[in-house]
PDB file of N, CA and C in Angstrom:
ATOM      1  N   MET A   1       8.197  21.857 -20.270  1.00  0.00           N
ATOM      2  CA  MET A   1       9.050  21.156 -19.387  1.00  0.00           C
ATOM      3  C   MET A   1       9.725  20.310 -19.669  1.00  0.00           C
ATOM      4  N   SER A   2      10.916  20.202 -19.083  1.00  0.00           N
ATOM      5  CA  SER A   2      11.854  19.200 -19.740  1.00  0.00           C
ATOM      6  C   SER A   2      11.557  17.556 -18.962  1.00  0.00           C
ATOM      7  N   ALA A   3      12.207  16.937 -19.881  1.00  0.00           N
ATOM      8  CA  ALA A   3      12.192  15.507 -19.428  1.00  0.00           C
ATOM      9  C   ALA A   3      12.554  15.583 -18.195  1.00  0.00           C
ATOM     10  N   ARG A   4      13.395  15.927 -17.979  1.00  0.00           N
ATOM     11  CA  ARG A   4      14.168  15.678 -16.431  1.00  0.00           C
ATOM     12  C   ARG A   4      13.695  16.314 -15.636  1.00  0.00           C
ATOM     13  N   VAL A   5      12.694  17.457 -15.514  1.00  0.00           N
ATOM     14  CA  VAL A   5      12.273  17.938 -14.765  1.00  0.00           C
ATOM     15  C   VAL A   5      10.507  16.977 -14.168  1.00  0.00           C
ATOM     16  N   ARG A   6      10.328  16.621 -15.465  1.00  0.00           N
ATOM     17  CA  ARG A   6       9.229  15.368 -15.196  1.00  0.00           C
ATOM     18  C   ARG A   6       9.238  14.382 -14.999  1.00  0.00           C
ATOM     19  N   LYS A   7      10.271  13.831 -14.999  1.00  0.00           N
ATOM     20  CA  LYS A   7      10.639  12.625 -14.004  1.00  0.00           C
ATOM     21  C   LYS A   7      11.079  12.645 -12.788  1.00  0.00           C
ATOM     22  N   PHE A   8      11.406  13.861 -12.400  1.00  0.00           N
ATOM     23  CA  PHE A   8      11.658  14.320 -10.859  1.00  0.00           C
ATOM     24  C   PHE A   8      10.083  14.300 -10.193  1.00  0.00           C
ATOM     25  N   VAL A   9       9.713  15.480 -11.431  1.00  0.00           N
ATOM     26  CA  VAL A   9       8.098  15.367 -10.418  1.00  0.00           C
ATOM     27  C   VAL A   9       7.430  13.996 -10.051  1.00  0.00           C
ATOM     28  N   GLY A  10       7.043  13.374 -11.644  1.00  0.00           N
ATOM     29  CA  GLY A  10       6.774  11.878 -11.305  1.00  0.00           C
ATOM     30  C   GLY A  10       7.064  11.208 -10.278  1.00  0.00           C
ATOM     31  N   GLY A  11       8.737  11.171  -9.959  1.00  0.00           N
ATOM     32  CA  GLY A  11       9.263  10.307  -9.101  1.00  0.00           C
ATOM     33  C   GLY A  11       8.378  10.725  -7.409  1.00  0.00           C
ATOM     34  N   ILE A  12       9.005  12.408  -7.072  1.00  0.00           N
ATOM     35  CA  ILE A  12       8.000  12.646  -6.029  1.00  0.00           C
ATOM     36  C   ILE A  12       6.793  12.433  -6.013  1.00  0.00           C
ATOM     37  N   GLY A  13       6.030  12.404  -7.376  1.00  0.00           N
ATOM     38  CA  GLY A  13       4.306  11.896  -6.884  1.00  0.00           C
ATOM     39  C   GLY A  13       4.091  10.399  -6.784  1.00  0.00           C
ATOM     40  N   ILE A  14       5.116   9.695  -7.347  1.00  0.00           N
ATOM     41  CA  ILE A  14       4.717   8.195  -6.960  1.00  0.00           C
ATOM     42  C   ILE A  14       5.147   7.540  -5.848  1.00  0.00           C
ATOM     43  N   LEU A  15       6.235   8.346  -4.823  1.00  0.00           N
ATOM     44  CA  LEU A  15       6.576   8.416  -3.673  1.00  0.00           C
ATOM     45  C   LEU A  15       5.621   8.743  -2.761  1.00  0.00           C
ATOM     46  N   VAL A  16       4.806   9.860  -2.879  1.00  0.00           N
ATOM     47  CA  VAL A  16       3.918  10.216  -2.077  1.00  0.00           C
ATOM     48  C   VAL A  16       2.590   9.198  -2.268  1.00  0.00           C
ATOM     49  N   PHE A  17       2.321   9.059  -3.453  1.00  0.00           N
ATOM     50  CA  PHE A  17       1.317   8.514  -3.636  1.00  0.00           C
ATOM     51  C   PHE A  17       1.335   6.434  -3.037  1.00  0.00           C
ATOM     52  N   LEU A  18       2.365   6.164  -3.112  1.00  0.00           N
ATOM     53  CA  LEU A  18       2.797   5.016  -2.513  1.00  0.00           C
ATOM     54  C   LEU A  18       3.234   4.946  -0.850  1.00  0.00           C
ATOM     55  N   ALA A  19       3.407   6.162  -0.546  1.00  0.00           N
ATOM     56  CA  ALA A  19       2.817   6.420   1.164  1.00  0.00           C
ATOM     57  C   ALA A  19       1.569   6.321   1.275  1.00  0.00           C
ATOM     58  N   ALA A  20       0.483   7.069   0.876  1.00  0.00           N
ATOM     59  CA  ALA A  20      -0.711   7.149   1.188  1.00  0.00           C
ATOM     60  C   ALA A  20      -1.194   5.732   0.882  1.00  0.00           C
ATOM     61  N   TYR A  21      -1.047   5.013  -0.041  1.00  0.00           N
ATOM     62  CA  TYR A  21      -1.661   3.944  -0.423  1.00  0.00           C
ATOM     63  C   TYR A  21      -1.331   2.719   0.543  1.00  0.00           C
ATOM     64  N   ILE A  22       0.142   2.509   1.091  1.00  0.00           N
ATOM     65  CA  ILE A  22       0.424   1.949   2.141  1.00  0.00           C
ATOM     66  C   ILE A  22      -0.339   1.963   3.139  1.00  0.00           C
ATOM     67  N   TRP A  23      -0.335   3.515   3.294  1.00  0.00           N
ATOM     68  CA  TRP A  23      -1.275   3.605   5.039  1.00  0.00           C
ATOM     69  C   TRP A  23      -2.676   3.170   4.521  1.00  0.00           C
ATOM     70  N   ALA A  24      -3.314   3.212   3.181  1.00  0.00           N
ATOM     71  CA  ALA A  24      -4.500   3.071   2.822  1.00  0.00           C
ATOM     72  C   ALA A  24      -4.609   1.526   3.042  1.00  0.00           C
ATOM     73  N   VAL A  25      -3.680   0.568   2.827  1.00  0.00           N
ATOM     74  CA  VAL A  25      -3.888  -0.698   2.478  1.00  0.00           C
ATOM     75  C   VAL A  25      -4.277  -1.305   4.097  1.00  0.00           C
ATOM     76  N   THR A  26      -2.865  -0.618   5.044  1.00  0.00           N
ATOM     77  CA  THR A  26      -2.726  -1.097   6.137  1.00  0.00           C
ATOM     78  C   THR A  26      -3.950  -0.692   7.344  1.00  0.00           C
ATOM     79  N   ALA A  27      -4.421   0.231   6.598  1.00  0.00           N
ATOM     80  CA  ALA A  27      -5.797   0.936   7.954  1.00  0.00           C
ATOM     81  C   ALA A  27      -7.059  -0.122   7.326  1.00  0.00           C
ATOM     82  N   ILE A  28      -7.275  -0.429   6.023  1.00  0.00           N
ATOM     83  CA  ILE A  28      -8.277  -1.140   5.678  1.00  0.00           C
ATOM     84  C   ILE A  28      -7.855  -2.430   6.171  1.00  0.00           C
ATOM     85  N   ALA A  29      -7.211  -3.099   6.122  1.00  0.00           N
ATOM     86  CA  ALA A  29      -7.076  -4.477   6.442  1.00  0.00           C
ATOM     87  C   ALA A  29      -6.745  -5.253   7.974  1.00  0.00           C
ATOM     88  N   GLU A  30      -7.217  -3.959   9.052  1.00  0.00           N
ATOM     89  CA  GLU A  30      -7.649  -3.860  10.545  1.00  0.00           C
ATOM     90  C   GLU A  30      -8.904  -4.697   9.979  1.00  0.00           C
ATOM     91  N   TYR A  31      -9.711  -4.073   9.244  1.00  0.00           N
ATOM     92  CA  TYR A  31     -11.137  -4.495   9.210  1.00  0.00           C
ATOM     93  C   TYR A  31     -11.099  -5.718   8.316  1.00  0.00           C
ATOM     94  N   VAL A  32     -10.350  -6.273   7.354  1.00  0.00           N
ATOM     95  CA  VAL A  32     -10.599  -7.436   7.068  1.00  0.00           C
ATOM     96  C   VAL A  32     -10.708  -8.953   8.082  1.00  0.00           C
ATOM     97  N   PRO A  33     -11.894  -9.829   7.506  1.00  0.00           N
ATOM     98  CA  PRO A  33     -12.107 -10.636   8.256  1.00  0.00           C
ATOM     99  C   PRO A  33     -10.570 -11.553   8.375  1.00  0.00           C
ATOM    100  N   ASP A  34     -10.855 -12.313   9.793  1.00  0.00           N
ATOM    101  CA  ASP A  34      -9.488 -12.998   9.758  1.00  0.00           C
ATOM    102  C   ASP A  34      -9.515 -14.561   9.413  1.00  0.00           C
ATOM    103  N   GLN A  35      -9.997 -14.717   8.441  1.00  0.00           N
ATOM    104  CA  GLN A  35      -9.896 -15.958   7.082  1.00  0.00           C
ATOM    105  C   GLN A  35      -8.594 -16.002   6.383  1.00  0.00           C
ATOM    106  N   ILE A  36      -8.231 -17.089   5.766  1.00  0.00           N
ATOM    107  CA  ILE A  36      -7.191 -17.094   5.193  1.00  0.00           C
ATOM    108  C   ILE A  36      -7.302 -16.751   3.773  1.00  0.00           C
ATOM    109  N   PHE A  37      -8.035 -17.107   3.537  1.00  0.00           N
ATOM    110  CA  PHE A  37      -8.633 -16.945   1.995  1.00  0.00           C
ATOM    111  C   PHE A  37      -8.953 -15.622   1.699  1.00  0.00           C
ATOM    112  N   ILE A  38      -9.639 -14.797   2.823  1.00  0.00           N
ATOM    113  CA  ILE A  38     -10.319 -13.286   2.094  1.00  0.00           C
ATOM    114  C   ILE A  38      -8.775 -12.781   2.743  1.00  0.00           C
ATOM    115  N   LYS A  39      -8.161 -13.091   3.216  1.00  0.00           N
ATOM    116  CA  LYS A  39      -6.802 -12.074   3.631  1.00  0.00           C
ATOM    117  C   LYS A  39      -6.165 -12.398   2.552  1.00  0.00           C
ATOM    118  N   THR A  40      -5.747 -13.769   2.249  1.00  0.00           N
ATOM    119  CA  THR A  40      -4.676 -13.787   0.954  1.00  0.00           C
ATOM    120  C   THR A  40      -5.021 -13.018  -0.447  1.00  0.00           C
ATOM    121  N   LEU A  41      -6.695 -13.222  -0.778  1.00  0.00           N
ATOM    122  CA  LEU A  41      -7.502 -12.319  -1.910  1.00  0.00           C
ATOM    123  C   LEU A  41      -7.494 -10.774  -1.640  1.00  0.00           C
ATOM    124  N   PHE A  42      -7.410 -10.034   0.207  1.00  0.00           N
ATOM    125  CA  PHE A  42      -7.252  -9.061  -0.063  1.00  0.00           C
ATOM    126  C   PHE A  42      -5.458  -8.179  -0.620  1.00  0.00           C
ATOM    127  N   TYR A  43      -4.807  -8.998   0.011  1.00  0.00           N
ATOM    128  CA  TYR A  43      -3.576  -8.810   0.120  1.00  0.00           C
ATOM    129  C   TYR A  43      -3.005  -8.796  -1.367  1.00  0.00           C
ATOM    130  N   ALA A  44      -3.511 -10.140  -2.236  1.00  0.00           N
ATOM    131  CA  ALA A  44      -2.944 -10.102  -3.395  1.00  0.00           C
ATOM    132  C   ALA A  44      -3.788  -8.966  -3.926  1.00  0.00           C
ATOM    133  N   VAL A  45      -5.010  -8.886  -4.326  1.00  0.00           N
ATOM    134  CA  VAL A  45      -5.401  -7.737  -4.918  1.00  0.00           C
ATOM    135  C   VAL A  45      -5.195  -6.006  -4.692  1.00  0.00           C
ATOM    136  N   ALA A  46      -4.802  -6.455  -3.212  1.00  0.00           N
ATOM    137  CA  ALA A  46      -3.686  -4.505  -2.992  1.00  0.00           C
ATOM    138  C   ALA A  46      -2.540  -4.667  -3.557  1.00  0.00           C
ATOM    139  N   GLY A  47      -1.869  -5.972  -3.441  1.00  0.00           N
ATOM    140  CA  GLY A  47       0.027  -5.537  -4.035  1.00  0.00           C
ATOM    141  C   GLY A  47      -0.289  -5.597  -5.745  1.00  0.00           C
ATOM    142  N   ILE A  48      -1.611  -5.741  -6.066  1.00  0.00           N
ATOM    143  CA  ILE A  48      -1.210  -5.975  -7.922  1.00  0.00           C
ATOM    144  C   ILE A  48      -1.894  -4.608  -8.174  1.00  0.00           C
ATOM    145  N   GLY A  49      -2.821  -3.974  -7.020  1.00  0.00           N
ATOM    146  CA  GLY A  49      -3.999  -2.630  -7.673  1.00  0.00           C
ATOM    147  C   GLY A  49      -3.097  -1.340  -7.621  1.00  0.00           C
ATOM    148  N   TRP A  50      -1.659  -1.373  -6.521  1.00  0.00           N
ATOM    149  CA  TRP A  50      -1.221  -0.035  -6.779  1.00  0.00           C
ATOM    150  C   TRP A  50      -0.679   0.402  -8.111  1.00  0.00           C
ATOM    151  N   GLY A  51      -0.359  -0.385  -9.239  1.00  0.00           N
ATOM    152  CA  GLY A  51       0.188  -0.056 -10.510  1.00  0.00           C
ATOM    153  C   GLY A  51      -0.975   0.429 -11.251  1.00  0.00           C
ATOM    154  N   VAL A  52      -2.196   0.338 -11.207  1.00  0.00           N
ATOM    155  CA  VAL A  52      -2.917   0.964 -12.005  1.00  0.00           C
ATOM    156  C   VAL A  52      -3.541   2.076 -12.112  1.00  0.00           C
ATOM    157  N   PRO A  53      -3.183   3.199 -10.959  1.00  0.00           N
ATOM    158  CA  PRO A  53      -3.442   4.066 -10.812  1.00  0.00           C
ATOM    159  C   PRO A  53      -2.252   5.067 -11.347  1.00  0.00           C
ATOM    160  N   ILE A  54      -1.142   4.517 -11.171  1.00  0.00           N
ATOM    161  CA  ILE A  54       0.353   4.681 -11.335  1.00  0.00           C
ATOM    162  C   ILE A  54       0.701   5.321 -12.679  1.00  0.00           C
ATOM    163  N   LEU A  55      -0.011   4.104 -13.754  1.00  0.00           N
ATOM    164  CA  LEU A  55       0.111   4.063 -14.829  1.00  0.00           C
ATOM    165  C   LEU A  55       0.119   5.306 -15.307  1.00  0.00           C
ATOM    166  N   PRO A  56      -0.849   6.192 -15.523  1.00  0.00           N
ATOM    167  CA  PRO A  56      -0.855   7.533 -16.495  1.00  0.00           C
ATOM    168  C   PRO A  56      -0.114   8.165 -15.976  1.00  0.00           C
ATOM    169  N   LEU A  57       0.506   8.554 -14.569  1.00  0.00           N
ATOM    170  CA  LEU A  57       1.708   9.235 -13.997  1.00  0.00           C
ATOM    171  C   LEU A  57       2.931   8.826 -15.092  1.00  0.00           C
ATOM    172  N   LEU A  58       3.700   7.638 -15.370  1.00  0.00           N
ATOM    173  CA  LEU A  58       4.205   7.136 -15.631  1.00  0.00           C
ATOM    174  C   LEU A  58       4.392   7.336 -17.051  1.00  0.00           C
ATOM    175  N   SER A  59       3.257   7.213 -18.048  1.00  0.00           N
ATOM    176  CA  SER A  59       3.165   7.676 -19.011  1.00  0.00           C
ATOM    177  C   SER A  59       3.436   9.390 -19.632  1.00  0.00           C
ATOM    178  N   TRP A  60       2.926   9.814 -18.490  1.00  0.00           N
ATOM    179  CA  TRP A  60       3.250  11.265 -18.354  1.00  0.00           C
ATOM    180  C   TRP A  60       4.800  11.840 -18.325  1.00  0.00           C
ATOM    181  N   MET A  61       5.436  10.895 -17.671  1.00  0.00           N
ATOM    182  CA  MET A  61       6.642  10.916 -17.305  1.00  0.00           C
ATOM    183  C   MET A  61       7.821  10.709 -18.437  1.00  0.00           C
ATOM    184  N   ASN A  62       7.028  10.235 -19.405  1.00  0.00           N
ATOM    185  CA  ASN A  62       7.826   9.267 -20.412  1.00  0.00           C
ATOM    186  C   ASN A  62       7.732  10.057 -21.976  1.00  0.00           C
ATOM    187  N   ARG A  63       6.718  10.929 -21.424  1.00  0.00           N
ATOM    188  CA  ARG A  63       6.506  11.481 -23.157  1.00  0.00           C
ATOM    189  C   ARG A  63       7.339  12.717 -23.565  1.00  0.00           C
ATOM    190  N   GLY A  64       7.198  12.853 -24.629  1.00  0.00           N
ATOM    191  CA  GLY A  64       8.188  14.046 -25.474  1.00  0.00           C
ATOM    192  C   GLY A  64       9.573  13.415 -25.549  1.00  0.00           C
ATOM    193  N   LYS A  65      10.082  14.458 -25.634  1.00  0.00           N
ATOM    194  CA  LYS A  65      11.510  14.476 -26.018  1.00  0.00           C
ATOM    195  C   LYS A  65      12.416  14.197 -24.850  1.00  0.00           C
TER     196      LYS A  65
END
């Protein structure tokens, strides 16, 4: 698979993943208690947490020539 096709497929995969991730975070956020510290902690973890699952996809996209 050429690098161009790999980056295209990876880009589509990232968009699909992010759409599902945003949907899941907003669905879970409804059940977070209404305390400012807990909400801040939840959104901080959710805001940083999306990057970890994408790392293998990014390394696959940049592999090869």
